[in-house]
Amino acid sequence: MPAEYVRSGFSVSDAVDTMISIRLLEPADAAAFSALRLVAIDTSPSAIWPTRAEEAGRSIREVEARLRASGTQAVFGALTDDGGLIGIAGVRREALVQLAHKAVLWGVFVAPAYRGNGLARRLIDAALTHASRDWGVEQVNLCVNTENEPAKALYASLGFETFGVERRAMRVGDRFYDEQHMVRVRR
């Protein structure tokens, strides 16, 4: 078990059937959020920006600011009944008036022990509902590694459609990865 789980009070061994709640994260969740982001980078370095060193270098104040919900930013978390953060999804609305109908879904991650139980779908649903209901967003964009078949299938099942592929969008070590750009338009 990665040390990040232990330090953040995660209990991932056989707790997959534990009651899970989805809620908007707040600045008080910064330490758990940072720890889970490091797990995400360690688990999926070709799916998560930034690098481990860049993420670990963020101050707690920077992370708290990132988790402070606003009219343009919200981060949702999946939490066990004992408060362990096991999944995240962020949504960011464009601030400029001519672009404010759009948002970007980012940072979707569920701890490996909890995958396959619909948590990513629930997190994304919460983020999309928030963006639509609270901000009036009509279009949500995202990027996904072209090799991440489970994520691409999930996004497609939620109504996202591919509109392009960015070649060599991300480099991890000496390897380049393409990213698929997807969009979901509210009809």
N, C-alpha and C. Protein backbone atom coordinates (compact mmCIF):
# COMPACT_ATOMS: atom_id res chain seq x y z
N MET A 1 0.84 -1.17 0.00
CA MET A 1 0.00 0.00 0.00
C MET A 1 0.89 1.24 0.00
N PRO A 2 0.65 2.18 -0.93
CA PRO A 2 1.48 3.37 -0.98
C PRO A 2 1.40 4.16 0.32
N ALA A 3 2.51 4.77 0.69
CA ALA A 3 2.57 5.55 1.93
C ALA A 3 1.55 6.69 1.94
N GLU A 4 1.23 7.23 0.75
CA GLU A 4 0.28 8.34 0.69
C GLU A 4 -1.08 7.95 1.26
N TYR A 5 -1.49 6.70 1.03
CA TYR A 5 -2.77 6.24 1.57
C TYR A 5 -2.72 6.25 3.09
N VAL A 6 -1.64 5.73 3.62
CA VAL A 6 -1.50 5.62 5.07
C VAL A 6 -1.47 7.01 5.71
N ARG A 7 -0.68 7.92 5.16
CA ARG A 7 -0.57 9.26 5.73
C ARG A 7 -1.88 10.03 5.67
N SER A 8 -2.71 9.73 4.71
CA SER A 8 -3.96 10.45 4.58
C SER A 8 -5.11 9.74 5.26
N GLY A 9 -4.84 8.65 5.94
CA GLY A 9 -5.88 7.93 6.64
C GLY A 9 -6.75 7.08 5.73
N PHE A 10 -6.27 6.74 4.52
CA PHE A 10 -7.05 5.92 3.63
C PHE A 10 -7.14 4.51 4.16
N SER A 11 -8.23 3.88 3.88
CA SER A 11 -8.41 2.48 4.24
C SER A 11 -8.89 1.78 2.98
N VAL A 12 -7.96 1.25 2.19
CA VAL A 12 -8.32 0.74 0.87
C VAL A 12 -8.29 -0.77 0.74
N SER A 13 -7.91 -1.49 1.77
CA SER A 13 -7.73 -2.94 1.64
C SER A 13 -8.98 -3.64 1.12
N ASP A 14 -9.98 -3.82 1.96
CA ASP A 14 -11.20 -4.50 1.53
C ASP A 14 -12.42 -3.61 1.69
N ALA A 15 -12.22 -2.33 1.65
CA ALA A 15 -13.31 -1.40 1.94
C ALA A 15 -14.07 -0.93 0.72
N VAL A 16 -13.99 -1.66 -0.39
CA VAL A 16 -14.61 -1.22 -1.63
C VAL A 16 -16.12 -1.07 -1.47
N ASP A 17 -16.73 -1.87 -0.62
CA ASP A 17 -18.17 -1.78 -0.46
C ASP A 17 -18.59 -0.80 0.64
N THR A 18 -17.65 -0.03 1.14
CA THR A 18 -17.94 0.98 2.15
C THR A 18 -18.84 2.06 1.54
N MET A 19 -19.64 2.68 2.36
CA MET A 19 -20.50 3.78 1.90
C MET A 19 -19.62 4.92 1.41
N ILE A 20 -19.86 5.38 0.19
CA ILE A 20 -19.07 6.45 -0.42
C ILE A 20 -19.98 7.66 -0.64
N SER A 21 -19.50 8.84 -0.29
CA SER A 21 -20.25 10.06 -0.55
C SER A 21 -19.45 10.93 -1.51
N ILE A 22 -20.17 11.72 -2.29
CA ILE A 22 -19.56 12.67 -3.22
C ILE A 22 -19.91 14.06 -2.71
N ARG A 23 -18.89 14.91 -2.60
CA ARG A 23 -19.15 16.29 -2.17
C ARG A 23 -18.11 17.23 -2.75
N LEU A 24 -18.47 18.50 -2.73
CA LEU A 24 -17.56 19.56 -3.14
C LEU A 24 -16.43 19.64 -2.11
N LEU A 25 -15.19 19.60 -2.59
CA LEU A 25 -14.06 19.71 -1.67
C LEU A 25 -13.87 21.17 -1.26
N GLU A 26 -13.21 21.35 -0.11
CA GLU A 26 -12.97 22.67 0.45
C GLU A 26 -11.50 22.79 0.82
N PRO A 27 -11.06 23.99 1.13
CA PRO A 27 -9.65 24.17 1.50
C PRO A 27 -9.18 23.23 2.62
N ALA A 28 -10.04 22.87 3.54
CA ALA A 28 -9.66 21.96 4.63
C ALA A 28 -9.27 20.57 4.11
N ASP A 29 -9.63 20.25 2.87
CA ASP A 29 -9.31 18.95 2.27
C ASP A 29 -7.97 18.96 1.54
N ALA A 30 -7.22 20.04 1.65
CA ALA A 30 -6.00 20.21 0.84
C ALA A 30 -4.98 19.10 1.04
N ALA A 31 -4.72 18.69 2.26
CA ALA A 31 -3.70 17.65 2.49
C ALA A 31 -4.11 16.33 1.86
N ALA A 32 -5.36 15.94 2.03
CA ALA A 32 -5.84 14.68 1.44
C ALA A 32 -5.85 14.77 -0.08
N PHE A 33 -6.25 15.92 -0.63
CA PHE A 33 -6.25 16.13 -2.07
C PHE A 33 -4.83 15.99 -2.62
N SER A 34 -3.88 16.66 -1.99
CA SER A 34 -2.48 16.59 -2.44
C SER A 34 -1.96 15.16 -2.41
N ALA A 35 -2.26 14.45 -1.34
CA ALA A 35 -1.81 13.06 -1.22
C ALA A 35 -2.41 12.19 -2.33
N LEU A 36 -3.70 12.37 -2.61
CA LEU A 36 -4.33 11.56 -3.66
C LEU A 36 -3.81 11.95 -5.04
N ARG A 37 -3.52 13.21 -5.27
CA ARG A 37 -2.93 13.62 -6.55
C ARG A 37 -1.58 12.94 -6.76
N LEU A 38 -0.78 12.82 -5.70
CA LEU A 38 0.50 12.13 -5.82
C LEU A 38 0.30 10.66 -6.13
N VAL A 39 -0.70 10.04 -5.54
CA VAL A 39 -1.03 8.65 -5.87
C VAL A 39 -1.44 8.56 -7.33
N ALA A 40 -2.24 9.51 -7.80
CA ALA A 40 -2.68 9.53 -9.20
C ALA A 40 -1.48 9.62 -10.14
N ILE A 41 -0.55 10.49 -9.83
CA ILE A 41 0.65 10.65 -10.67
C ILE A 41 1.48 9.38 -10.65
N ASP A 42 1.64 8.78 -9.47
CA ASP A 42 2.42 7.54 -9.36
C ASP A 42 1.74 6.40 -10.11
N THR A 43 0.41 6.36 -10.06
CA THR A 43 -0.36 5.28 -10.67
C THR A 43 -0.49 5.46 -12.18
N SER A 44 -0.68 6.70 -12.61
CA SER A 44 -0.99 6.99 -14.01
C SER A 44 -0.21 8.21 -14.50
N PRO A 45 1.11 8.12 -14.58
CA PRO A 45 1.90 9.31 -14.95
C PRO A 45 1.61 9.84 -16.34
N SER A 46 1.08 9.02 -17.23
CA SER A 46 0.78 9.50 -18.58
C SER A 46 -0.65 10.02 -18.70
N ALA A 47 -1.38 10.06 -17.59
CA ALA A 47 -2.75 10.54 -17.62
C ALA A 47 -2.95 11.81 -16.80
N ILE A 48 -2.02 12.11 -15.93
CA ILE A 48 -2.19 13.23 -15.00
C ILE A 48 -1.07 14.23 -15.20
N TRP A 49 -1.44 15.50 -15.27
CA TRP A 49 -0.46 16.57 -15.22
C TRP A 49 -0.46 17.06 -13.79
N PRO A 50 0.51 17.56 -13.25
CA PRO A 50 1.89 17.74 -13.69
C PRO A 50 2.74 16.54 -13.29
N THR A 51 4.04 16.73 -13.21
CA THR A 51 4.92 15.67 -12.72
C THR A 51 4.78 15.58 -11.20
N ARG A 52 5.31 14.49 -10.66
CA ARG A 52 5.27 14.30 -9.20
C ARG A 52 6.00 15.45 -8.50
N ALA A 53 7.17 15.81 -9.01
CA ALA A 53 7.96 16.89 -8.39
C ALA A 53 7.19 18.21 -8.41
N GLU A 54 6.53 18.51 -9.53
CA GLU A 54 5.77 19.75 -9.62
C GLU A 54 4.59 19.74 -8.65
N GLU A 55 3.88 18.62 -8.59
CA GLU A 55 2.72 18.53 -7.68
C GLU A 55 3.18 18.60 -6.22
N ALA A 56 4.23 17.86 -5.89
CA ALA A 56 4.74 17.86 -4.51
C ALA A 56 5.28 19.22 -4.11
N GLY A 57 5.69 20.02 -5.09
CA GLY A 57 6.24 21.33 -4.81
C GLY A 57 5.21 22.41 -4.54
N ARG A 58 3.94 22.08 -4.72
CA ARG A 58 2.89 23.07 -4.46
C ARG A 58 2.72 23.26 -2.96
N SER A 59 2.62 24.49 -2.55
CA SER A 59 2.41 24.77 -1.13
C SER A 59 0.98 24.42 -0.75
N ILE A 60 0.75 24.20 0.53
CA ILE A 60 -0.59 23.90 1.01
C ILE A 60 -1.53 25.07 0.71
N ARG A 61 -1.01 26.28 0.73
CA ARG A 61 -1.82 27.47 0.42
C ARG A 61 -2.29 27.45 -1.05
N GLU A 62 -1.40 27.03 -1.95
CA GLU A 62 -1.78 26.93 -3.36
C GLU A 62 -2.89 25.90 -3.53
N VAL A 63 -2.76 24.78 -2.85
CA VAL A 63 -3.77 23.72 -2.96
C VAL A 63 -5.08 24.19 -2.34
N GLU A 64 -5.01 24.85 -1.21
CA GLU A 64 -6.23 25.38 -0.58
C GLU A 64 -6.95 26.34 -1.53
N ALA A 65 -6.20 27.20 -2.20
CA ALA A 65 -6.80 28.13 -3.16
C ALA A 65 -7.45 27.38 -4.31
N ARG A 66 -6.83 26.31 -4.74
CA ARG A 66 -7.37 25.50 -5.83
C ARG A 66 -8.69 24.85 -5.43
N LEU A 67 -8.83 24.54 -4.15
CA LEU A 67 -10.04 23.87 -3.66
C LEU A 67 -11.12 24.84 -3.20
N ARG A 68 -10.84 26.11 -3.24
CA ARG A 68 -11.84 27.10 -2.85
C ARG A 68 -12.79 27.27 -4.03
N ALA A 69 -14.01 26.77 -3.87
CA ALA A 69 -14.99 26.84 -4.95
C ALA A 69 -15.28 28.30 -5.29
N SER A 70 -15.45 28.56 -6.57
CA SER A 70 -15.73 29.91 -7.04
C SER A 70 -16.67 29.82 -8.24
N GLY A 71 -16.88 30.92 -8.88
CA GLY A 71 -17.71 30.92 -10.07
C GLY A 71 -17.03 30.34 -11.29
N THR A 72 -15.77 29.93 -11.13
CA THR A 72 -15.04 29.35 -12.26
C THR A 72 -14.32 28.05 -11.92
N GLN A 73 -14.35 27.61 -10.68
CA GLN A 73 -13.56 26.43 -10.29
C GLN A 73 -14.29 25.65 -9.21
N ALA A 74 -14.36 24.32 -9.36
CA ALA A 74 -14.92 23.44 -8.33
C ALA A 74 -14.23 22.08 -8.44
N VAL A 75 -13.97 21.47 -7.29
CA VAL A 75 -13.36 20.14 -7.25
C VAL A 75 -14.23 19.27 -6.36
N PHE A 76 -14.60 18.11 -6.89
CA PHE A 76 -15.44 17.17 -6.14
C PHE A 76 -14.60 16.00 -5.68
N GLY A 77 -14.99 15.44 -4.55
CA GLY A 77 -14.28 14.31 -4.00
C GLY A 77 -15.23 13.18 -3.66
N ALA A 78 -14.71 11.95 -3.76
CA ALA A 78 -15.42 10.76 -3.29
C ALA A 78 -14.76 10.39 -1.97
N LEU A 79 -15.56 10.27 -0.93
CA LEU A 79 -15.03 10.01 0.41
C LEU A 79 -15.68 8.79 1.03
N THR A 80 -14.87 8.01 1.74
CA THR A 80 -15.39 6.87 2.47
C THR A 80 -16.14 7.38 3.69
N ASP A 81 -16.87 6.49 4.35
CA ASP A 81 -17.63 6.92 5.53
C ASP A 81 -16.73 7.37 6.67
N ASP A 82 -15.46 7.00 6.64
CA ASP A 82 -14.53 7.48 7.67
C ASP A 82 -13.75 8.72 7.20
N GLY A 83 -14.15 9.30 6.06
CA GLY A 83 -13.57 10.55 5.59
C GLY A 83 -12.36 10.43 4.69
N GLY A 84 -11.96 9.22 4.31
CA GLY A 84 -10.83 9.04 3.41
C GLY A 84 -11.17 9.47 1.99
N LEU A 85 -10.34 10.32 1.41
CA LEU A 85 -10.55 10.79 0.04
C LEU A 85 -10.03 9.73 -0.92
N ILE A 86 -10.90 9.22 -1.79
CA ILE A 86 -10.52 8.12 -2.69
C ILE A 86 -10.74 8.43 -4.16
N GLY A 87 -11.31 9.59 -4.46
CA GLY A 87 -11.53 9.97 -5.85
C GLY A 87 -11.72 11.47 -5.97
N ILE A 88 -11.37 12.00 -7.14
CA ILE A 88 -11.49 13.44 -7.39
C ILE A 88 -11.88 13.71 -8.84
N ALA A 89 -12.52 14.84 -9.05
CA ALA A 89 -12.81 15.35 -10.39
C ALA A 89 -12.97 16.86 -10.27
N GLY A 90 -12.29 17.58 -11.14
CA GLY A 90 -12.38 19.03 -11.13
C GLY A 90 -13.06 19.55 -12.38
N VAL A 91 -13.65 20.72 -12.25
CA VAL A 91 -14.27 21.38 -13.39
C VAL A 91 -13.93 22.87 -13.28
N ARG A 92 -13.58 23.44 -14.42
CA ARG A 92 -13.16 24.84 -14.46
C ARG A 92 -13.91 25.52 -15.61
N ARG A 93 -14.65 26.59 -15.28
CA ARG A 93 -15.39 27.34 -16.29
C ARG A 93 -14.51 28.45 -16.84
N GLU A 94 -14.67 28.71 -18.11
CA GLU A 94 -13.97 29.82 -18.73
C GLU A 94 -14.48 31.13 -18.12
N ALA A 95 -13.59 32.07 -17.86
CA ALA A 95 -13.97 33.31 -17.18
C ALA A 95 -14.40 34.42 -18.14
N LEU A 96 -13.89 34.42 -19.36
CA LEU A 96 -14.23 35.47 -20.31
C LEU A 96 -15.69 35.33 -20.75
N VAL A 97 -16.38 36.45 -20.89
CA VAL A 97 -17.81 36.45 -21.20
C VAL A 97 -18.11 35.62 -22.45
N GLN A 98 -17.34 35.80 -23.51
CA GLN A 98 -17.62 35.09 -24.76
C GLN A 98 -17.35 33.59 -24.67
N LEU A 99 -16.64 33.16 -23.63
CA LEU A 99 -16.30 31.74 -23.46
C LEU A 99 -16.96 31.12 -22.23
N ALA A 100 -17.73 31.89 -21.48
CA ALA A 100 -18.27 31.43 -20.20
C ALA A 100 -19.30 30.31 -20.33
N HIS A 101 -19.72 30.00 -21.54
CA HIS A 101 -20.65 28.87 -21.74
C HIS A 101 -19.91 27.54 -21.72
N LYS A 102 -18.56 27.59 -21.62
CA LYS A 102 -17.74 26.38 -21.67
C LYS A 102 -17.02 26.13 -20.35
N ALA A 103 -16.76 24.84 -20.12
CA ALA A 103 -15.95 24.44 -18.96
C ALA A 103 -15.05 23.30 -19.39
N VAL A 104 -14.06 23.01 -18.56
CA VAL A 104 -13.13 21.91 -18.79
C VAL A 104 -13.22 20.96 -17.60
N LEU A 105 -13.40 19.68 -17.89
CA LEU A 105 -13.35 18.64 -16.87
C LEU A 105 -11.90 18.20 -16.75
N TRP A 106 -11.37 18.13 -15.53
CA TRP A 106 -9.95 17.81 -15.37
C TRP A 106 -9.73 16.94 -14.13
N GLY A 107 -8.60 16.25 -14.12
CA GLY A 107 -8.12 15.57 -12.92
C GLY A 107 -8.95 14.42 -12.41
N VAL A 108 -9.72 13.77 -13.26
CA VAL A 108 -10.56 12.66 -12.80
C VAL A 108 -9.66 11.49 -12.40
N PHE A 109 -9.81 11.04 -11.17
CA PHE A 109 -9.02 9.92 -10.67
C PHE A 109 -9.76 9.24 -9.53
N VAL A 110 -9.72 7.90 -9.56
CA VAL A 110 -10.25 7.08 -8.46
C VAL A 110 -9.13 6.13 -8.04
N ALA A 111 -8.91 6.03 -6.74
CA ALA A 111 -7.88 5.12 -6.21
C ALA A 111 -8.12 3.72 -6.75
N PRO A 112 -7.07 3.03 -7.16
CA PRO A 112 -7.22 1.72 -7.81
C PRO A 112 -8.11 0.72 -7.07
N ALA A 113 -8.05 0.67 -5.77
CA ALA A 113 -8.85 -0.31 -5.01
C ALA A 113 -10.35 -0.04 -5.10
N TYR A 114 -10.73 1.15 -5.55
CA TYR A 114 -12.14 1.53 -5.61
C TYR A 114 -12.68 1.61 -7.04
N ARG A 115 -11.89 1.25 -8.01
CA ARG A 115 -12.33 1.34 -9.40
C ARG A 115 -13.34 0.25 -9.74
N GLY A 116 -14.12 0.51 -10.77
CA GLY A 116 -15.09 -0.48 -11.24
C GLY A 116 -16.40 -0.46 -10.48
N ASN A 117 -16.61 0.55 -9.65
CA ASN A 117 -17.83 0.65 -8.87
C ASN A 117 -18.66 1.88 -9.21
N GLY A 118 -18.36 2.52 -10.32
CA GLY A 118 -19.13 3.68 -10.75
C GLY A 118 -18.76 5.00 -10.08
N LEU A 119 -17.67 5.02 -9.34
CA LEU A 119 -17.29 6.26 -8.64
C LEU A 119 -16.87 7.37 -9.60
N ALA A 120 -16.12 7.04 -10.62
CA ALA A 120 -15.71 8.07 -11.58
C ALA A 120 -16.94 8.68 -12.24
N ARG A 121 -17.90 7.85 -12.58
CA ARG A 121 -19.16 8.34 -13.18
C ARG A 121 -19.87 9.29 -12.21
N ARG A 122 -19.95 8.92 -10.95
CA ARG A 122 -20.62 9.76 -9.95
C ARG A 122 -19.88 11.09 -9.77
N LEU A 123 -18.56 11.04 -9.74
CA LEU A 123 -17.78 12.28 -9.62
C LEU A 123 -18.00 13.19 -10.83
N ILE A 124 -17.94 12.61 -12.01
CA ILE A 124 -18.14 13.40 -13.23
C ILE A 124 -19.55 13.96 -13.27
N ASP A 125 -20.55 13.15 -12.91
CA ASP A 125 -21.93 13.64 -12.87
C ASP A 125 -22.06 14.84 -11.93
N ALA A 126 -21.42 14.76 -10.77
CA ALA A 126 -21.47 15.88 -9.82
C ALA A 126 -20.85 17.13 -10.43
N ALA A 127 -19.70 16.97 -11.08
CA ALA A 127 -19.02 18.12 -11.70
C ALA A 127 -19.85 18.71 -12.84
N LEU A 128 -20.42 17.85 -13.68
CA LEU A 128 -21.22 18.33 -14.80
C LEU A 128 -22.50 19.01 -14.33
N THR A 129 -23.14 18.43 -13.32
CA THR A 129 -24.35 19.03 -12.76
C THR A 129 -24.05 20.41 -12.18
N HIS A 130 -22.97 20.50 -11.44
CA HIS A 130 -22.56 21.79 -10.85
C HIS A 130 -22.31 22.82 -11.95
N ALA A 131 -21.57 22.44 -12.97
CA ALA A 131 -21.24 23.37 -14.05
C ALA A 131 -22.49 23.86 -14.77
N SER A 132 -23.42 22.96 -15.00
CA SER A 132 -24.65 23.31 -15.71
C SER A 132 -25.60 24.12 -14.82
N ARG A 133 -25.87 23.60 -13.63
CA ARG A 133 -26.85 24.22 -12.73
C ARG A 133 -26.35 25.54 -12.14
N ASP A 134 -25.12 25.54 -11.63
CA ASP A 134 -24.62 26.71 -10.91
C ASP A 134 -23.98 27.76 -11.80
N TRP A 135 -23.43 27.35 -12.92
CA TRP A 135 -22.73 28.28 -13.79
C TRP A 135 -23.40 28.50 -15.14
N GLY A 136 -24.40 27.70 -15.47
CA GLY A 136 -25.05 27.83 -16.77
C GLY A 136 -24.22 27.33 -17.94
N VAL A 137 -23.25 26.47 -17.66
CA VAL A 137 -22.37 25.93 -18.71
C VAL A 137 -23.17 25.06 -19.67
N GLU A 138 -22.91 25.24 -20.96
CA GLU A 138 -23.59 24.47 -22.00
C GLU A 138 -22.67 23.49 -22.71
N GLN A 139 -21.38 23.61 -22.50
CA GLN A 139 -20.41 22.75 -23.20
C GLN A 139 -19.26 22.44 -22.25
N VAL A 140 -18.89 21.15 -22.19
CA VAL A 140 -17.76 20.74 -21.35
C VAL A 140 -16.76 20.01 -22.23
N ASN A 141 -15.51 20.44 -22.15
CA ASN A 141 -14.42 19.82 -22.90
C ASN A 141 -13.53 19.03 -21.95
N LEU A 142 -12.80 18.08 -22.51
CA LEU A 142 -11.81 17.34 -21.73
C LEU A 142 -10.76 16.79 -22.68
N CYS A 143 -9.63 16.39 -22.11
CA CYS A 143 -8.58 15.71 -22.85
C CYS A 143 -8.30 14.40 -22.15
N VAL A 144 -8.04 13.36 -22.94
CA VAL A 144 -7.74 12.04 -22.37
C VAL A 144 -6.66 11.39 -23.22
N ASN A 145 -5.73 10.72 -22.56
CA ASN A 145 -4.68 9.99 -23.25
C ASN A 145 -5.34 8.99 -24.21
N THR A 146 -4.90 8.97 -25.47
CA THR A 146 -5.53 8.10 -26.46
C THR A 146 -5.39 6.62 -26.11
N GLU A 147 -4.45 6.28 -25.23
CA GLU A 147 -4.27 4.88 -24.83
C GLU A 147 -5.13 4.48 -23.63
N ASN A 148 -5.82 5.42 -23.03
CA ASN A 148 -6.62 5.15 -21.84
C ASN A 148 -8.03 4.72 -22.24
N GLU A 149 -8.15 3.48 -22.66
CA GLU A 149 -9.43 2.97 -23.17
C GLU A 149 -10.56 3.02 -22.15
N PRO A 150 -10.33 2.63 -20.88
CA PRO A 150 -11.44 2.70 -19.92
C PRO A 150 -11.98 4.12 -19.75
N ALA A 151 -11.11 5.10 -19.67
CA ALA A 151 -11.56 6.49 -19.51
C ALA A 151 -12.30 6.96 -20.76
N LYS A 152 -11.77 6.64 -21.94
CA LYS A 152 -12.44 7.04 -23.18
C LYS A 152 -13.84 6.44 -23.26
N ALA A 153 -13.97 5.18 -22.87
CA ALA A 153 -15.28 4.52 -22.88
C ALA A 153 -16.23 5.17 -21.89
N LEU A 154 -15.73 5.50 -20.71
CA LEU A 154 -16.57 6.17 -19.71
C LEU A 154 -17.06 7.51 -20.24
N TYR A 155 -16.15 8.31 -20.76
CA TYR A 155 -16.54 9.63 -21.27
C TYR A 155 -17.55 9.50 -22.41
N ALA A 156 -17.34 8.57 -23.31
CA ALA A 156 -18.29 8.36 -24.41
C ALA A 156 -19.66 7.96 -23.86
N SER A 157 -19.68 7.12 -22.83
CA SER A 157 -20.97 6.70 -22.26
C SER A 157 -21.70 7.85 -21.58
N LEU A 158 -20.97 8.91 -21.24
CA LEU A 158 -21.57 10.09 -20.62
C LEU A 158 -21.93 11.16 -21.66
N GLY A 159 -21.80 10.82 -22.94
CA GLY A 159 -22.20 11.73 -24.00
C GLY A 159 -21.10 12.59 -24.58
N PHE A 160 -19.85 12.35 -24.20
CA PHE A 160 -18.74 13.09 -24.78
C PHE A 160 -18.40 12.52 -26.14
N GLU A 161 -18.08 13.40 -27.08
CA GLU A 161 -17.72 13.00 -28.44
C GLU A 161 -16.33 13.54 -28.76
N THR A 162 -15.57 12.76 -29.52
CA THR A 162 -14.23 13.18 -29.93
C THR A 162 -14.34 14.23 -31.02
N PHE A 163 -13.54 15.30 -30.88
CA PHE A 163 -13.49 16.30 -31.95
C PHE A 163 -12.08 16.53 -32.46
N GLY A 164 -11.11 15.80 -31.92
CA GLY A 164 -9.76 15.93 -32.43
C GLY A 164 -8.75 15.17 -31.60
N VAL A 165 -7.57 15.01 -32.17
CA VAL A 165 -6.47 14.36 -31.46
C VAL A 165 -5.26 15.27 -31.56
N GLU A 166 -4.67 15.54 -30.42
CA GLU A 166 -3.45 16.33 -30.37
C GLU A 166 -2.27 15.38 -30.29
N ARG A 167 -1.47 15.35 -31.32
CA ARG A 167 -0.29 14.48 -31.37
C ARG A 167 0.77 15.00 -30.41
N ARG A 168 1.45 14.06 -29.78
CA ARG A 168 2.58 14.40 -28.89
C ARG A 168 2.19 15.47 -27.86
N ALA A 169 1.01 15.34 -27.31
CA ALA A 169 0.49 16.35 -26.38
C ALA A 169 1.21 16.34 -25.04
N MET A 170 1.71 15.18 -24.66
CA MET A 170 2.34 15.05 -23.35
C MET A 170 3.59 14.20 -23.48
N ARG A 171 4.60 14.57 -22.72
CA ARG A 171 5.83 13.78 -22.72
C ARG A 171 6.13 13.34 -21.30
N VAL A 172 6.30 12.03 -21.15
CA VAL A 172 6.70 11.46 -19.86
C VAL A 172 8.03 10.76 -20.11
N GLY A 173 9.09 11.29 -19.53
CA GLY A 173 10.42 10.76 -19.82
C GLY A 173 10.74 10.99 -21.28
N ASP A 174 11.08 9.92 -21.99
CA ASP A 174 11.41 10.03 -23.41
C ASP A 174 10.24 9.67 -24.31
N ARG A 175 9.08 9.39 -23.74
CA ARG A 175 7.93 8.94 -24.53
C ARG A 175 6.88 10.04 -24.65
N PHE A 176 6.35 10.18 -25.87
CA PHE A 176 5.28 11.13 -26.14
C PHE A 176 3.95 10.39 -26.16
N TYR A 177 2.89 11.09 -25.75
CA TYR A 177 1.54 10.54 -25.75
C TYR A 177 0.61 11.50 -26.47
N ASP A 178 -0.31 10.94 -27.24
CA ASP A 178 -1.33 11.73 -27.90
C ASP A 178 -2.51 11.89 -26.95
N GLU A 179 -3.25 12.99 -27.13
CA GLU A 179 -4.45 13.22 -26.34
C GLU A 179 -5.64 13.39 -27.25
N GLN A 180 -6.72 12.75 -26.86
CA GLN A 180 -7.99 12.85 -27.56
C GLN A 180 -8.78 13.98 -26.91
N HIS A 181 -9.26 14.91 -27.72
CA HIS A 181 -10.08 16.01 -27.23
C HIS A 181 -11.54 15.63 -27.41
N MET A 182 -12.31 15.75 -26.33
CA MET A 182 -13.72 15.36 -26.35
C MET A 182 -14.57 16.52 -25.85
N VAL A 183 -15.82 16.54 -26.28
CA VAL A 183 -16.75 17.60 -25.90
C VAL A 183 -18.13 16.99 -25.64
N ARG A 184 -18.82 17.59 -24.71
CA ARG A 184 -20.23 17.25 -24.46
C ARG A 184 -20.99 18.56 -24.47
N VAL A 185 -21.96 18.65 -25.37
CA VAL A 185 -22.77 19.86 -25.51
C VAL A 185 -24.16 19.57 -24.96
N ARG A 186 -24.61 20.46 -24.07
CA ARG A 186 -25.96 20.31 -23.51
C ARG A 186 -26.97 20.64 -24.60
N ARG A 187 -27.90 19.76 -24.77
CA ARG A 187 -28.91 19.96 -25.81
C ARG A 187 -30.24 20.28 -25.20
